[in-house]
């Protein structure tokens, strides 16, 4: 039995080695830690919700009360606070846009490749590119087509 102990120990050491080239998953997550701020709330087709004669896909250009902040903590918990658009069809292609009451959501977050998932009352999946996170619903009015957060 003594002859096999060094062999077993050697096998255990090599079988437990990492195949991630020395990078820990938590090291990769550091790029996402911090505060992300809403910079786009896009609709299709574009609207002129503030009646200034100019249409925009981004409701933040049209309605001042819209806000959103996501804080991704290093313990993989998040806080999402927002004031969201309420889009009401009037007739034909006319819509009124107002703002919801402030809301807050808490939960866990995870990342896989270039995707961040907020696991809260409703799971939200964001595609990440550089310092921007984008959720795409792909829906047309009266729904929001996409939202974009930018890392601060």
C-alpha atoms as a PDB file:
ATOM      1  CA  UNK A   1       0.000   0.000   0.000  1.00  0.00           C
ATOM      2  CA  UNK A   2       2.897   2.380   0.742  1.00  0.00           C
ATOM      3  CA  UNK A   3       4.086   2.016  -2.869  1.00  0.00           C
ATOM      4  CA  UNK A   4       0.768   3.296  -4.237  1.00  0.00           C
ATOM      5  CA  UNK A   5       0.405   6.347  -1.938  1.00  0.00           C
ATOM      6  CA  UNK A   6       2.844   8.623  -3.858  1.00  0.00           C
ATOM      7  CA  UNK A   7       1.212   7.617  -7.145  1.00  0.00           C
ATOM      8  CA  UNK A   8      -2.290   8.351  -5.808  1.00  0.00           C
ATOM      9  CA  UNK A   9      -1.097  11.705  -4.425  1.00  0.00           C
ATOM     10  CA  UNK A  10       0.482  12.616  -7.765  1.00  0.00           C
ATOM     11  CA  UNK A  11      -2.720  11.715  -9.629  1.00  0.00           C
ATOM     12  CA  UNK A  12      -4.812  13.830  -7.241  1.00  0.00           C
ATOM     13  CA  UNK A  13      -2.557  16.859  -7.660  1.00  0.00           C
ATOM     14  CA  UNK A  14      -2.708  16.774 -11.442  1.00  0.00           C
ATOM     15  CA  UNK A  15      -6.412  15.925 -11.631  1.00  0.00           C
ATOM     16  CA  UNK A  16      -7.256  19.010  -9.535  1.00  0.00           C
ATOM     17  CA  UNK A  17      -5.268  21.412 -11.659  1.00  0.00           C
ATOM     18  CA  UNK A  18      -7.187  24.210 -13.321  1.00  0.00           C
ATOM     19  CA  UNK A  19      -7.743  24.376 -17.053  1.00  0.00           C
ATOM     20  CA  UNK A  20      -8.692  28.067 -17.095  1.00  0.00           C
ATOM     21  CA  UNK A  21      -5.164  29.318 -17.852  1.00  0.00           C
ATOM     22  CA  UNK A  22      -4.790  30.736 -14.370  1.00  0.00           C
ATOM     23  CA  UNK A  23      -7.862  32.957 -14.541  1.00  0.00           C
ATOM     24  CA  UNK A  24     -10.421  32.646 -11.801  1.00  0.00           C
ATOM     25  CA  UNK A  25     -14.082  33.200 -12.771  1.00  0.00           C
ATOM     26  CA  UNK A  26     -14.308  35.934 -10.133  1.00  0.00           C
ATOM     27  CA  UNK A  27     -11.431  37.777 -11.842  1.00  0.00           C
ATOM     28  CA  UNK A  28     -13.511  37.961 -15.031  1.00  0.00           C
ATOM     29  CA  UNK A  29     -16.507  39.296 -13.104  1.00  0.00           C
ATOM     30  CA  UNK A  30     -14.580  42.323 -11.838  1.00  0.00           C
ATOM     31  CA  UNK A  31     -15.168  44.056 -15.167  1.00  0.00           C
ATOM     32  CA  UNK A  32     -18.906  44.066 -14.402  1.00  0.00           C
ATOM     33  CA  UNK A  33     -18.831  45.178 -10.747  1.00  0.00           C
ATOM     34  CA  UNK A  34     -20.161  48.677 -10.168  1.00  0.00           C
ATOM     35  CA  UNK A  35     -22.873  51.069 -11.250  1.00  0.00           C
ATOM     36  CA  UNK A  36     -24.618  50.977 -14.631  1.00  0.00           C
ATOM     37  CA  UNK A  37     -26.905  53.858 -15.695  1.00  0.00           C
ATOM     38  CA  UNK A  38     -29.785  53.805 -18.185  1.00  0.00           C
ATOM     39  CA  UNK A  39     -28.791  55.668 -21.364  1.00  0.00           C
ATOM     40  CA  UNK A  40     -31.402  54.382 -23.836  1.00  0.00           C
ATOM     41  CA  UNK A  41     -34.998  53.207 -23.707  1.00  0.00           C
ATOM     42  CA  UNK A  42     -35.749  52.565 -27.376  1.00  0.00           C
ATOM     43  CA  UNK A  43     -39.083  52.216 -29.145  1.00  0.00           C
ATOM     44  CA  UNK A  44     -40.129  51.432 -32.687  1.00  0.00           C
ATOM     45  CA  UNK A  45     -41.362  53.415 -34.516  1.00  0.00           C
ATOM     46  CA  UNK A  46     -39.816  56.650 -33.173  1.00  0.00           C
ATOM     47  CA  UNK A  47     -42.066  58.991 -31.161  1.00  0.00           C
ATOM     48  CA  UNK A  48     -42.377  62.703 -30.498  1.00  0.00           C
ATOM     49  CA  UNK A  49     -43.617  62.283 -26.933  1.00  0.00           C
ATOM     50  CA  UNK A  50     -42.621  65.816 -25.861  1.00  0.00           C
ATOM     51  CA  UNK A  51     -44.263  67.520 -28.909  1.00  0.00           C
ATOM     52  CA  UNK A  52     -41.092  69.386 -29.935  1.00  0.00           C
ATOM     53  CA  UNK A  53     -41.443  68.387 -33.601  1.00  0.00           C
ATOM     54  CA  UNK A  54     -38.583  65.858 -33.465  1.00  0.00           C
ATOM     55  CA  UNK A  55     -39.088  62.118 -33.169  1.00  0.00           C
ATOM     56  CA  UNK A  56     -36.660  59.802 -31.429  1.00  0.00           C
ATOM     57  CA  UNK A  57     -36.349  56.081 -30.842  1.00  0.00           C
ATOM     58  CA  UNK A  58     -34.782  56.829 -27.440  1.00  0.00           C
ATOM     59  CA  UNK A  59     -37.495  57.830 -24.966  1.00  0.00           C
ATOM     60  CA  UNK A  60     -34.851  59.479 -22.766  1.00  0.00           C
ATOM     61  CA  UNK A  61     -34.698  62.193 -25.456  1.00  0.00           C
ATOM     62  CA  UNK A  62     -38.459  62.649 -25.173  1.00  0.00           C
ATOM     63  CA  UNK A  63     -39.424  62.097 -21.508  1.00  0.00           C
ATOM     64  CA  UNK A  64     -37.300  63.608 -18.724  1.00  0.00           C
ATOM     65  CA  UNK A  65     -38.563  61.491 -15.824  1.00  0.00           C
ATOM     66  CA  UNK A  66     -37.180  58.138 -17.039  1.00  0.00           C
ATOM     67  CA  UNK A  67     -34.236  56.800 -15.017  1.00  0.00           C
ATOM     68  CA  UNK A  68     -32.524  53.536 -14.246  1.00  0.00           C
ATOM     69  CA  UNK A  69     -29.547  52.361 -12.222  1.00  0.00           C
ATOM     70  CA  UNK A  70     -28.184  48.865 -11.768  1.00  0.00           C
ATOM     71  CA  UNK A  71     -25.534  48.175  -9.145  1.00  0.00           C
ATOM     72  CA  UNK A  72     -23.712  44.860  -9.594  1.00  0.00           C
ATOM     73  CA  UNK A  73     -21.995  43.966  -6.333  1.00  0.00           C
ATOM     74  CA  UNK A  74     -18.950  41.730  -5.937  1.00  0.00           C
ATOM     75  CA  UNK A  75     -21.038  39.270  -3.879  1.00  0.00           C
ATOM     76  CA  UNK A  76     -23.135  38.658  -7.040  1.00  0.00           C
ATOM     77  CA  UNK A  77     -26.148  40.549  -5.718  1.00  0.00           C
ATOM     78  CA  UNK A  78     -27.703  43.420  -7.635  1.00  0.00           C
ATOM     79  CA  UNK A  79     -29.963  46.384  -6.994  1.00  0.00           C
ATOM     80  CA  UNK A  80     -32.068  47.795  -9.836  1.00  0.00           C
ATOM     81  CA  UNK A  81     -33.909  51.079  -9.354  1.00  0.00           C
ATOM     82  CA  UNK A  82     -35.908  52.643 -12.150  1.00  0.00           C
ATOM     83  CA  UNK A  83     -38.687  54.884 -13.344  1.00  0.00           C
ATOM     84  CA  UNK A  84     -40.063  53.173 -16.440  1.00  0.00           C
ATOM     85  CA  UNK A  85     -42.158  54.428 -19.350  1.00  0.00           C
ATOM     86  CA  UNK A  86     -45.884  53.824 -19.434  1.00  0.00           C
ATOM     87  CA  UNK A  87     -46.877  53.896 -23.091  1.00  0.00           C
ATOM     88  CA  UNK A  88     -50.579  54.248 -23.854  1.00  0.00           C
ATOM     89  CA  UNK A  89     -52.029  54.023 -27.363  1.00  0.00           C
ATOM     90  CA  UNK A  90     -54.460  56.844 -28.130  1.00  0.00           C
ATOM     91  CA  UNK A  91     -55.518  56.183 -31.691  1.00  0.00           C
ATOM     92  CA  UNK A  92     -53.739  55.049 -34.844  1.00  0.00           C
ATOM     93  CA  UNK A  93     -50.034  55.720 -34.414  1.00  0.00           C
ATOM     94  CA  UNK A  94     -50.437  58.194 -31.532  1.00  0.00           C
ATOM     95  CA  UNK A  95     -49.160  57.359 -28.063  1.00  0.00           C
ATOM     96  CA  UNK A  96     -48.901  59.102 -24.715  1.00  0.00           C
ATOM     97  CA  UNK A  97     -45.789  58.371 -22.662  1.00  0.00           C
ATOM     98  CA  UNK A  98     -45.791  58.914 -18.915  1.00  0.00           C
ATOM     99  CA  UNK A  99     -43.588  57.611 -16.121  1.00  0.00           C
ATOM    100  CA  UNK A 100     -44.142  54.886 -13.563  1.00  0.00           C
ATOM    101  CA  UNK A 101     -43.558  55.349  -9.874  1.00  0.00           C
ATOM    102  CA  UNK A 102     -39.996  54.532  -8.831  1.00  0.00           C
ATOM    103  CA  UNK A 103     -39.427  50.788  -8.460  1.00  0.00           C
ATOM    104  CA  UNK A 104     -36.646  48.712  -6.942  1.00  0.00           C
ATOM    105  CA  UNK A 105     -35.665  45.116  -7.492  1.00  0.00           C
ATOM    106  CA  UNK A 106     -33.061  43.022  -5.702  1.00  0.00           C
ATOM    107  CA  UNK A 107     -31.606  39.661  -6.534  1.00  0.00           C
ATOM    108  CA  UNK A 108     -28.644  37.690  -7.702  1.00  0.00           C
ATOM    109  CA  UNK A 109     -26.741  38.233 -10.906  1.00  0.00           C
ATOM    110  CA  UNK A 110     -24.619  35.914 -12.997  1.00  0.00           C
ATOM    111  CA  UNK A 111     -22.578  36.160 -16.143  1.00  0.00           C
ATOM    112  CA  UNK A 112     -21.784  33.753 -18.941  1.00  0.00           C
ATOM    113  CA  UNK A 113     -19.553  34.818 -21.806  1.00  0.00           C
ATOM    114  CA  UNK A 114     -20.913  38.222 -22.892  1.00  0.00           C
ATOM    115  CA  UNK A 115     -24.236  37.902 -21.070  1.00  0.00           C
ATOM    116  CA  UNK A 116     -25.371  39.155 -17.663  1.00  0.00           C
ATOM    117  CA  UNK A 117     -28.502  37.677 -16.113  1.00  0.00           C
ATOM    118  CA  UNK A 118     -30.339  39.540 -13.349  1.00  0.00           C
ATOM    119  CA  UNK A 119     -32.278  36.965 -11.352  1.00  0.00           C
ATOM    120  CA  UNK A 120     -35.037  38.883  -9.578  1.00  0.00           C
ATOM    121  CA  UNK A 121     -38.808  39.023  -9.685  1.00  0.00           C
ATOM    122  CA  UNK A 122     -38.327  38.598 -13.448  1.00  0.00           C
ATOM    123  CA  UNK A 123     -35.083  37.362 -14.994  1.00  0.00           C
ATOM    124  CA  UNK A 124     -33.533  39.928 -17.339  1.00  0.00           C
ATOM    125  CA  UNK A 125     -30.826  38.888 -19.796  1.00  0.00           C
ATOM    126  CA  UNK A 126     -28.417  41.569 -21.045  1.00  0.00           C
ATOM    127  CA  UNK A 127     -25.884  41.272 -23.841  1.00  0.00           C
ATOM    128  CA  UNK A 128     -22.635  43.025 -22.866  1.00  0.00           C
ATOM    129  CA  UNK A 129     -20.377  44.839 -25.309  1.00  0.00           C
ATOM    130  CA  UNK A 130     -17.620  47.007 -23.863  1.00  0.00           C
ATOM    131  CA  UNK A 131     -19.125  49.297 -21.249  1.00  0.00           C
ATOM    132  CA  UNK A 132     -22.715  48.791 -22.444  1.00  0.00           C
ATOM    133  CA  UNK A 133     -25.385  46.251 -21.408  1.00  0.00           C
ATOM    134  CA  UNK A 134     -28.355  45.823 -23.738  1.00  0.00           C
ATOM    135  CA  UNK A 135     -31.677  44.058 -23.223  1.00  0.00           C
ATOM    136  CA  UNK A 136     -33.571  43.499 -26.487  1.00  0.00           C
ATOM    137  CA  UNK A 137     -37.251  42.591 -26.448  1.00  0.00           C
ATOM    138  CA  UNK A 138     -37.613  43.183 -30.185  1.00  0.00           C
ATOM    139  CA  UNK A 139     -41.204  44.366 -29.662  1.00  0.00           C
ATOM    140  CA  UNK A 140     -42.792  47.385 -31.315  1.00  0.00           C
ATOM    141  CA  UNK A 141     -44.970  50.057 -29.687  1.00  0.00           C
ATOM    142  CA  UNK A 142     -46.638  50.147 -27.270  1.00  0.00           C
ATOM    143  CA  UNK A 143     -43.734  48.075 -25.850  1.00  0.00           C
ATOM    144  CA  UNK A 144     -40.128  49.134 -25.387  1.00  0.00           C
ATOM    145  CA  UNK A 145     -37.916  47.505 -28.007  1.00  0.00           C
ATOM    146  CA  UNK A 146     -34.588  47.686 -26.132  1.00  0.00           C
ATOM    147  CA  UNK A 147     -32.916  49.239 -23.108  1.00  0.00           C
ATOM    148  CA  UNK A 148     -29.228  50.081 -22.747  1.00  0.00           C
ATOM    149  CA  UNK A 149     -27.215  50.665 -19.582  1.00  0.00           C
ATOM    150  CA  UNK A 150     -23.720  52.132 -19.561  1.00  0.00           C
ATOM    151  CA  UNK A 151     -21.063  51.435 -16.926  1.00  0.00           C
ATOM    152  CA  UNK A 152     -20.010  54.466 -14.913  1.00  0.00           C
END
